[in-house]
Amino acid sequence: MADAPTSEAIDAIWRIESARLIARVARMVGDVGLAEDLAQDALVAALERWPRDGVPDNPAAWLTATAKHRAIDMLRRARTYERKQDEIVREAGLRMAVDGRDLAAEADSVGDDMLGLMFACCHPVLSTDARVALTLRLLGGLSTPEIARAFLISDATAAQRIVRAKRTLKEARVPFDVPAGGELDERLPDVLEVVYLIFNEGYAASSGSEWMRLDLAREALRLGRVLAQLVPAEPEVHGLVALMEIQQSRAAARTGPDGTPILLGDQDRSRWDRLLIARGLTALDRAGRTGRALGPYSLQAAIAACHARAARPEDTDWPRIVALYDALAQLTPSPVVDLNRAVAVGMAYGAEAGLEAVEPLVGERRLAGYHLLPAVRGDLLAKLGRDAEARAEFARAAALAANERERELLARRAGDTG
């Protein structure tokens, strides 16, 4: 039995190194499920040996070497994999030492291993739900119950998603390599989308009793920062990081002591995290300095930056935000973008102009059931003094909202209007 300090050390090391370890081994064996099993075997070995022998100077190298040893032993036992074993030994240049010195030559490939695992987890052969679950499991180190709790699904459903995703990757023979050239540009949006989806679910939970799930938002931000280090020449990676940094900076001000949501215009801006804002603005600047046109994440980050730079709500440069939404609508036409633009128009040029921008969206099929459409209409109608119409819109928005906290907020606005 490990003593408490050793157990805590092993747990911390595993949290930090598990994704890298799985990435390295997956690249060897070409099977992410098997790689995770081998990584877990290495963890069990650490739990058995480190309390007795002490934590090694290079625990990551120890875990990697142990996992690779077990991979080689397994492949040797399976005659059908003998040829593969020879290829692995030859290509990886494996050595049998576990003191970390023989792993030095691999240091430069760790980034490629991690990036390759990211691209595999986010491969288009998987459904969106499967990509998110597998990314959180293998790159985030979240347990199956933690993923289930985060997305309000059963443990069995979360486990099924992960198992099926691993099986699909294996059956489709998805490589654990970094795509080259044009393929990287083609596949990178898949990775960014998954990180963005994880962040959004953490920043504004789509359902449940809490408005935010900060653990998910923080995990997405961590993954984004890792990705920015691995592909520093891609502007949209920095744009996504900038967007998440700036949005996350408001977390402490977005809810009251009892968890009640606080809208942007009512937030105490002194509670915004200035360090995260500075990091976000730096990332946005980095996106611009790549010399390539800004994409949708960078444009959304630029919109968030307009809010971050305003000391007071009335200092916000709303005409610039409208112009940024115009650019975003050209790149990624979407009724949700149009709705957000209408909000900005209302703030920049008055509620009448905002309502005029919203009206064409009322019959938009893709916004049917989207609670924020009646919420925006309700806000604009209330500003115009059309209280009865505003109350009806807020009530409709509350009925459509799946998140309990947001539903309470909208119902309260309906009751307070007029």
Protein backbone atom coordinates (compact mmCIF):
# COMPACT_ATOMS: atom_id res chain seq x y z
CA MET A 1 0.00 0.00 0.00
CA ALA A 2 1.43 3.36 -1.01
CA ASP A 3 1.81 6.01 1.68
CA ALA A 4 -0.23 9.22 1.24
CA PRO A 5 2.57 11.43 -0.18
CA THR A 6 3.56 8.76 -2.71
CA SER A 7 -0.04 8.16 -3.70
CA GLU A 8 -0.58 11.88 -4.19
CA ALA A 9 2.61 12.11 -6.24
CA ILE A 10 1.55 9.20 -8.46
CA ASP A 11 -1.90 10.71 -8.94
CA ALA A 12 -0.44 14.09 -9.90
CA ILE A 13 2.08 12.53 -12.28
CA TRP A 14 -0.64 10.45 -13.91
CA ARG A 15 -2.86 13.48 -14.41
CA ILE A 16 -0.02 15.34 -16.09
CA GLU A 17 1.51 12.52 -18.10
CA SER A 18 -1.32 10.13 -18.99
CA ALA A 19 -2.24 11.83 -22.27
CA ARG A 20 1.38 11.97 -23.42
CA LEU A 21 1.91 8.35 -22.41
CA ILE A 22 -1.17 7.14 -24.28
CA ALA A 23 -0.15 9.20 -27.30
CA ARG A 24 3.33 7.68 -27.41
CA VAL A 25 2.07 4.11 -27.05
CA ALA A 26 -0.83 4.60 -29.49
CA ARG A 27 1.63 5.64 -32.14
CA MET A 28 3.53 2.41 -31.50
CA VAL A 29 0.67 -0.07 -31.50
CA GLY A 30 -1.85 1.72 -33.70
CA ASP A 31 -4.74 1.01 -31.32
CA VAL A 32 -5.87 3.67 -28.88
CA GLY A 33 -7.81 1.19 -26.71
CA LEU A 34 -4.78 -1.04 -26.35
CA ALA A 35 -2.58 2.00 -25.72
CA GLU A 36 -4.81 3.07 -22.85
CA ASP A 37 -4.70 -0.44 -21.37
CA LEU A 38 -0.90 -0.50 -21.57
CA ALA A 39 -0.68 2.93 -19.98
CA GLN A 40 -2.92 1.73 -17.16
CA ASP A 41 -0.67 -1.32 -16.74
CA ALA A 42 2.29 1.02 -16.37
CA LEU A 43 0.37 2.97 -13.71
CA VAL A 44 -0.35 -0.26 -11.80
CA ALA A 45 3.36 -1.10 -11.94
CA ALA A 46 4.17 2.34 -10.56
CA LEU A 47 1.71 1.85 -7.72
CA GLU A 48 3.43 -1.43 -6.89
CA ARG A 49 7.04 -0.35 -7.19
CA TRP A 50 7.33 3.35 -6.39
CA PRO A 51 6.21 3.07 -2.75
CA ARG A 52 9.01 0.53 -2.28
CA ASP A 53 11.73 1.98 -4.55
CA GLY A 54 10.81 5.66 -4.47
CA VAL A 55 9.50 7.90 -7.24
CA PRO A 56 12.09 7.88 -10.07
CA ASP A 57 13.88 11.04 -11.12
CA ASN A 58 12.10 10.94 -14.48
CA PRO A 59 8.69 9.39 -13.78
CA ALA A 60 7.36 10.12 -17.27
CA ALA A 61 10.24 8.22 -18.86
CA TRP A 62 9.76 5.35 -16.40
CA LEU A 63 6.07 5.06 -17.28
CA THR A 64 6.80 5.25 -21.01
CA ALA A 65 9.51 2.61 -20.89
CA THR A 66 7.33 0.31 -18.77
CA ALA A 67 4.38 0.65 -21.13
CA LYS A 68 6.60 -0.01 -24.14
CA HIS A 69 8.14 -3.06 -22.49
CA ARG A 70 4.67 -4.45 -21.90
CA ALA A 71 3.73 -3.71 -25.51
CA ILE A 72 6.76 -5.63 -26.74
CA ASP A 73 6.05 -8.55 -24.39
CA MET A 74 2.45 -8.68 -25.58
CA LEU A 75 3.45 -8.59 -29.22
CA ARG A 76 6.06 -11.30 -28.70
CA ARG A 77 3.43 -13.54 -27.16
CA ALA A 78 1.07 -13.02 -30.07
CA ARG A 79 2.65 -14.71 -33.07
CA THR A 80 0.32 -12.97 -35.44
CA TYR A 81 1.96 -9.72 -34.38
CA GLU A 82 5.58 -10.83 -34.75
CA ARG A 83 6.07 -8.85 -37.90
CA LYS A 84 4.54 -5.79 -36.30
CA GLN A 85 6.83 -6.24 -33.31
CA ASP A 86 9.89 -6.11 -35.52
CA GLU A 87 8.62 -2.95 -37.16
CA ILE A 88 7.95 -1.31 -33.80
CA VAL A 89 11.36 -2.21 -32.43
CA ARG A 90 13.08 -0.98 -35.58
CA GLU A 91 11.06 2.22 -36.03
CA ALA A 92 10.90 3.31 -32.40
CA GLY A 93 14.48 2.32 -31.63
CA LEU A 94 13.44 0.86 -28.34
CA ARG A 95 15.95 0.24 -25.60
CA MET A 96 15.32 -1.72 -22.47
CA ALA A 97 16.43 0.79 -19.85
CA VAL A 98 13.87 2.46 -17.60
CA ASP A 99 16.05 5.13 -16.02
CA GLY A 100 14.99 7.76 -18.56
CA ARG A 101 18.33 8.21 -20.30
CA ASP A 102 17.27 6.16 -23.32
CA LEU A 103 14.09 8.22 -23.68
CA ALA A 104 15.96 11.45 -24.30
CA ALA A 105 16.03 10.87 -28.04
CA GLU A 106 12.23 10.70 -28.03
CA ALA A 107 11.72 14.13 -26.49
CA ASP A 108 11.36 15.85 -29.83
CA SER A 109 8.63 13.42 -30.94
CA VAL A 110 6.37 13.90 -27.92
CA GLY A 111 4.67 16.91 -29.51
CA ASP A 112 3.95 14.92 -32.65
CA ASP A 113 2.60 12.05 -30.54
CA MET A 114 0.21 14.35 -28.68
CA LEU A 115 -0.89 16.11 -31.84
CA GLY A 116 -1.38 12.79 -33.58
CA LEU A 117 -3.61 11.60 -30.73
CA MET A 118 -5.61 14.83 -30.91
CA PHE A 119 -6.24 14.34 -34.62
CA ALA A 120 -7.20 10.70 -34.07
CA CYS A 121 -9.65 11.51 -31.27
CA CYS A 122 -11.26 14.18 -33.46
CA HIS A 123 -11.29 12.14 -36.66
CA PRO A 124 -14.40 12.71 -38.83
CA VAL A 125 -15.08 8.96 -38.85
CA LEU A 126 -16.43 9.49 -35.31
CA SER A 127 -19.66 11.21 -34.34
CA THR A 128 -19.36 14.58 -32.63
CA ASP A 129 -20.45 13.12 -29.27
CA ALA A 130 -17.85 10.37 -29.60
CA ARG A 131 -15.09 12.85 -30.46
CA VAL A 132 -15.87 14.93 -27.39
CA ALA A 133 -16.04 11.93 -25.03
CA LEU A 134 -12.85 10.34 -26.36
CA THR A 135 -10.93 13.63 -26.25
CA LEU A 136 -11.91 14.18 -22.63
CA ARG A 137 -11.04 10.57 -21.75
CA LEU A 138 -7.64 10.31 -23.42
CA LEU A 139 -6.39 13.89 -23.59
CA GLY A 140 -8.20 15.30 -20.60
CA GLY A 141 -7.71 12.32 -18.33
CA LEU A 142 -11.34 12.45 -17.15
CA SER A 143 -12.86 9.23 -15.89
CA THR A 144 -15.98 7.82 -17.51
CA PRO A 145 -18.20 8.89 -14.55
CA GLU A 146 -16.73 12.41 -14.74
CA ILE A 147 -17.61 12.64 -18.45
CA ALA A 148 -21.09 11.28 -17.75
CA ARG A 149 -21.67 13.90 -15.03
CA ALA A 150 -20.38 16.71 -17.24
CA PHE A 151 -22.86 15.95 -20.01
CA LEU A 152 -25.70 14.68 -17.82
CA ILE A 153 -25.72 11.22 -19.34
CA SER A 154 -25.51 7.83 -17.65
CA ASP A 155 -22.17 6.17 -16.96
CA ALA A 156 -23.22 3.37 -19.31
CA THR A 157 -23.90 5.80 -22.16
CA ALA A 158 -20.56 7.55 -21.67
CA ALA A 159 -18.76 4.21 -21.55
CA GLN A 160 -20.50 3.03 -24.72
CA ARG A 161 -19.47 6.17 -26.57
CA ILE A 162 -15.85 5.73 -25.58
CA VAL A 163 -15.71 1.99 -26.32
CA ARG A 164 -17.40 2.42 -29.70
CA ALA A 165 -15.09 5.32 -30.58
CA LYS A 166 -12.01 3.24 -29.85
CA ARG A 167 -13.41 0.33 -31.86
CA THR A 168 -14.27 2.61 -34.78
CA LEU A 169 -10.77 4.08 -34.90
CA LYS A 170 -9.28 0.60 -34.86
CA GLU A 171 -11.59 -0.78 -37.54
CA ALA A 172 -11.07 2.28 -39.74
CA ARG A 173 -7.30 1.96 -39.29
CA VAL A 174 -7.05 5.63 -38.39
CA PRO A 175 -3.33 6.54 -38.13
CA PHE A 176 -1.97 8.27 -35.05
CA ASP A 177 0.16 10.61 -37.10
CA VAL A 178 0.00 14.34 -37.68
CA PRO A 179 -1.65 15.05 -41.05
CA ALA A 180 0.74 16.62 -43.54
CA GLY A 181 0.34 19.64 -45.79
CA GLY A 182 -3.14 20.31 -47.06
CA GLU A 183 -4.61 17.48 -45.01
CA LEU A 184 -3.59 19.24 -41.81
CA ASP A 185 -5.43 22.40 -42.92
CA GLU A 186 -8.43 20.26 -43.81
CA ARG A 187 -8.51 18.33 -40.54
CA LEU A 188 -7.56 21.06 -38.06
CA PRO A 189 -11.10 22.50 -37.92
CA ASP A 190 -12.29 19.10 -36.61
CA VAL A 191 -9.93 19.41 -33.65
CA LEU A 192 -10.78 23.05 -33.01
CA GLU A 193 -14.50 22.28 -33.13
CA VAL A 194 -14.21 19.62 -30.43
CA VAL A 195 -12.22 21.91 -28.11
CA TYR A 196 -14.73 24.71 -28.76
CA LEU A 197 -17.70 22.42 -28.04
CA ILE A 198 -16.15 21.33 -24.75
CA PHE A 199 -15.51 24.95 -23.77
CA ASN A 200 -19.01 26.08 -24.72
CA GLU A 201 -20.63 23.35 -22.66
CA GLY A 202 -18.51 24.46 -19.71
CA TYR A 203 -19.04 28.18 -20.24
CA ALA A 204 -22.81 28.01 -20.75
CA ALA A 205 -24.18 24.57 -19.94
CA SER A 206 -26.89 23.52 -22.36
CA SER A 207 -28.89 21.74 -19.65
CA GLY A 208 -28.83 20.83 -15.98
CA SER A 209 -29.00 22.85 -12.78
CA GLU A 210 -25.79 24.87 -13.12
CA TRP A 211 -25.19 27.67 -15.62
CA MET A 212 -21.47 26.89 -15.90
CA ARG A 213 -19.34 23.75 -15.61
CA LEU A 214 -15.99 25.31 -14.94
CA ASP A 215 -14.05 22.05 -14.99
CA LEU A 216 -15.00 21.54 -18.65
CA ALA A 217 -14.16 25.12 -19.58
CA ARG A 218 -10.76 24.87 -17.89
CA GLU A 219 -10.03 21.55 -19.61
CA ALA A 220 -10.87 23.00 -23.02
CA LEU A 221 -8.64 25.96 -22.32
CA ARG A 222 -5.79 23.64 -21.34
CA LEU A 223 -6.22 21.62 -24.54
CA GLY A 224 -6.28 24.81 -26.57
CA ARG A 225 -3.04 26.02 -25.01
CA VAL A 226 -1.38 22.66 -25.72
CA LEU A 227 -2.58 22.82 -29.32
CA ALA A 228 -1.22 26.36 -29.72
CA GLN A 229 2.22 25.13 -28.66
CA LEU A 230 2.07 22.23 -31.10
CA VAL A 231 0.91 24.17 -34.19
CA PRO A 232 2.06 27.76 -33.54
CA ALA A 233 1.78 28.83 -37.19
CA GLU A 234 -2.01 28.30 -37.35
CA PRO A 235 -3.87 31.57 -36.66
CA GLU A 236 -7.19 29.92 -35.81
CA VAL A 237 -5.58 27.92 -33.01
CA HIS A 238 -4.47 31.18 -31.38
CA GLY A 239 -7.86 32.72 -32.20
CA LEU A 240 -9.66 29.94 -30.35
CA VAL A 241 -7.32 30.23 -27.37
CA ALA A 242 -7.88 34.00 -27.33
CA LEU A 243 -11.65 33.51 -27.39
CA MET A 244 -11.58 31.02 -24.53
CA GLU A 245 -9.14 33.06 -22.41
CA ILE A 246 -11.26 36.21 -22.69
CA GLN A 247 -14.59 34.46 -22.17
CA GLN A 248 -13.23 32.53 -19.18
CA SER A 249 -11.97 35.80 -17.65
CA ARG A 250 -15.59 36.67 -16.80
CA ALA A 251 -16.36 33.43 -14.95
CA ALA A 252 -16.26 34.85 -11.42
CA ALA A 253 -18.64 37.68 -12.38
CA ARG A 254 -21.18 35.61 -14.31
CA THR A 255 -23.08 34.24 -11.33
CA GLY A 256 -24.23 35.53 -7.97
CA PRO A 257 -23.44 33.85 -4.63
CA ASP A 258 -26.40 31.50 -5.10
CA GLY A 259 -25.47 30.59 -8.68
CA THR A 260 -27.97 32.96 -10.30
CA PRO A 261 -26.77 34.04 -13.77
CA ILE A 262 -25.64 37.65 -14.19
CA LEU A 263 -25.85 39.02 -17.72
CA LEU A 264 -22.88 40.76 -19.35
CA GLY A 265 -24.17 44.31 -18.92
CA ASP A 266 -24.84 43.78 -15.20
CA GLN A 267 -21.54 42.15 -14.29
CA ASP A 268 -19.04 43.67 -11.87
CA ARG A 269 -16.13 44.12 -14.25
CA SER A 270 -13.67 44.50 -11.41
CA ARG A 271 -14.13 40.76 -10.93
CA TRP A 272 -12.99 39.95 -14.45
CA ASP A 273 -9.65 38.15 -14.45
CA ARG A 274 -7.18 40.64 -15.94
CA LEU A 275 -4.47 38.02 -16.36
CA LEU A 276 -6.74 35.88 -18.55
CA ILE A 277 -7.74 38.97 -20.53
CA ALA A 278 -4.08 39.85 -21.09
CA ARG A 279 -3.35 36.30 -22.20
CA GLY A 280 -6.32 36.39 -24.54
CA LEU A 281 -5.30 39.68 -26.12
CA THR A 282 -1.78 38.34 -26.58
CA ALA A 283 -3.13 35.22 -28.29
CA LEU A 284 -5.33 37.36 -30.53
CA ASP A 285 -2.32 39.48 -31.47
CA ARG A 286 -0.39 36.28 -32.20
CA ALA A 287 -3.18 35.15 -34.54
CA GLY A 288 -2.94 38.43 -36.42
CA ARG A 289 0.85 38.25 -36.70
CA THR A 290 0.76 34.95 -38.60
CA GLY A 291 0.10 36.99 -41.72
CA ARG A 292 -2.97 34.96 -42.62
CA ALA A 293 -6.58 36.12 -42.73
CA LEU A 294 -8.49 35.88 -39.48
CA GLY A 295 -10.97 33.01 -39.30
CA PRO A 296 -14.21 32.62 -37.35
CA TYR A 297 -12.59 31.92 -33.98
CA SER A 298 -10.30 34.92 -34.28
CA LEU A 299 -13.22 37.15 -35.25
CA GLN A 300 -15.23 35.92 -32.26
CA ALA A 301 -12.17 36.59 -30.09
CA ALA A 302 -11.98 40.12 -31.50
CA ILE A 303 -15.63 40.62 -30.51
CA ALA A 304 -14.89 39.34 -27.00
CA ALA A 305 -11.88 41.69 -26.88
CA CYS A 306 -14.17 44.68 -27.49
CA HIS A 307 -16.02 43.81 -24.28
CA ALA A 308 -12.79 43.07 -22.39
CA ARG A 309 -11.30 46.46 -23.27
CA ALA A 310 -14.37 48.39 -22.09
CA ALA A 311 -14.09 49.53 -18.48
CA ARG A 312 -17.85 50.13 -18.39
CA PRO A 313 -20.68 48.69 -20.48
CA GLU A 314 -21.32 52.10 -22.06
CA ASP A 315 -17.69 52.21 -23.24
CA THR A 316 -18.18 49.16 -25.49
CA ASP A 317 -17.46 49.79 -29.17
CA TRP A 318 -20.71 48.36 -30.48
CA PRO A 319 -20.34 49.65 -34.07
CA ARG A 320 -17.06 47.73 -34.31
CA ILE A 321 -18.78 44.61 -32.94
CA VAL A 322 -21.45 44.96 -35.65
CA ALA A 323 -18.71 45.18 -38.28
CA LEU A 324 -17.00 42.09 -36.86
CA TYR A 325 -20.28 40.17 -36.96
CA ASP A 326 -20.68 41.25 -40.59
CA ALA A 327 -17.26 39.75 -41.35
CA LEU A 328 -18.12 36.59 -39.38
CA ALA A 329 -21.41 36.21 -41.27
CA GLN A 330 -19.51 36.31 -44.56
CA LEU A 331 -17.13 33.57 -43.42
CA THR A 332 -19.64 31.33 -41.66
CA PRO A 333 -23.22 32.26 -42.54
CA SER A 334 -25.48 31.21 -39.67
CA PRO A 335 -28.79 32.38 -38.19
CA VAL A 336 -27.13 32.32 -34.75
CA VAL A 337 -24.48 34.76 -36.01
CA ASP A 338 -27.27 36.90 -37.46
CA LEU A 339 -29.07 36.86 -34.11
CA ASN A 340 -25.94 37.94 -32.25
CA ARG A 341 -25.40 40.66 -34.86
CA ALA A 342 -28.96 41.88 -34.23
CA VAL A 343 -28.16 42.25 -30.52
CA ALA A 344 -25.10 44.34 -31.43
CA VAL A 345 -27.15 46.44 -33.86
CA GLY A 346 -29.65 47.12 -31.08
CA MET A 347 -26.87 48.25 -28.76
CA ALA A 348 -25.13 50.36 -31.42
CA TYR A 349 -28.08 51.96 -33.18
CA GLY A 350 -31.07 51.51 -30.92
CA ALA A 351 -33.66 48.89 -30.05
CA GLU A 352 -35.82 49.67 -33.10
CA ALA A 353 -32.91 48.92 -35.43
CA GLY A 354 -32.12 45.77 -33.46
CA LEU A 355 -35.71 44.54 -33.67
CA GLU A 356 -35.72 45.22 -37.40
CA ALA A 357 -32.62 43.01 -37.71
CA VAL A 358 -34.25 40.24 -35.66
CA GLU A 359 -37.58 40.08 -37.46
CA PRO A 360 -36.32 38.18 -40.56
CA LEU A 361 -35.08 35.43 -38.21
CA VAL A 362 -38.46 34.74 -36.60
CA GLY A 363 -39.46 32.26 -39.27
CA GLU A 364 -36.01 30.71 -39.59
CA ARG A 365 -36.43 26.95 -39.36
CA ARG A 366 -32.98 26.42 -37.84
CA LEU A 367 -33.88 28.67 -34.91
CA ALA A 368 -37.14 26.88 -34.15
CA GLY A 369 -36.91 25.89 -30.51
CA TYR A 370 -33.84 28.11 -29.90
CA HIS A 371 -34.65 29.92 -26.67
CA LEU A 372 -32.36 32.87 -27.28
CA LEU A 373 -34.40 34.11 -30.25
CA PRO A 374 -37.47 35.00 -28.13
CA ALA A 375 -35.12 36.13 -25.35
CA VAL A 376 -33.48 38.68 -27.67
CA ARG A 377 -36.86 39.81 -29.02
CA GLY A 378 -38.14 40.16 -25.46
CA ASP A 379 -35.20 42.36 -24.48
CA LEU A 380 -35.60 44.63 -27.50
CA LEU A 381 -39.38 44.88 -27.05
CA ALA A 382 -38.92 45.76 -23.37
CA LYS A 383 -36.56 48.60 -24.31
CA LEU A 384 -39.21 49.92 -26.69
CA GLY A 385 -41.83 49.86 -23.92
CA ARG A 386 -43.85 47.08 -25.55
CA ASP A 387 -44.16 45.28 -22.25
CA ALA A 388 -46.98 42.82 -22.99
CA GLU A 389 -45.16 41.53 -26.07
CA ALA A 390 -41.89 41.40 -24.16
CA ARG A 391 -43.43 39.36 -21.33
CA ALA A 392 -44.80 36.85 -23.82
CA GLU A 393 -41.40 36.49 -25.48
CA PHE A 394 -39.56 36.02 -22.19
CA ALA A 395 -42.11 33.43 -21.11
CA ARG A 396 -41.68 31.58 -24.41
CA ALA A 397 -37.89 31.70 -24.02
CA ALA A 398 -38.16 30.29 -20.48
CA ALA A 399 -40.32 27.43 -21.73
CA LEU A 400 -37.72 26.55 -24.37
CA ALA A 401 -34.62 26.83 -22.14
CA ALA A 402 -33.15 23.46 -21.10
CA ASN A 403 -30.81 24.87 -18.45
CA GLU A 404 -32.61 25.34 -15.13
CA ARG A 405 -30.71 28.49 -14.12
CA GLU A 406 -31.30 30.14 -17.48
CA ARG A 407 -34.97 29.16 -17.37
CA GLU A 408 -35.33 30.79 -13.95
CA LEU A 409 -33.63 33.97 -15.20
CA LEU A 410 -35.93 34.23 -18.22
CA ALA A 411 -39.04 33.53 -16.14
CA ARG A 412 -37.98 36.23 -13.70
CA ARG A 413 -37.51 38.70 -16.57
CA ALA A 414 -41.01 37.86 -17.77
CA GLY A 415 -42.37 38.58 -14.31
CA ASP A 416 -40.40 41.81 -13.91
CA THR A 417 -41.27 43.28 -17.32
CA GLY A 418 -43.77 46.09 -17.01
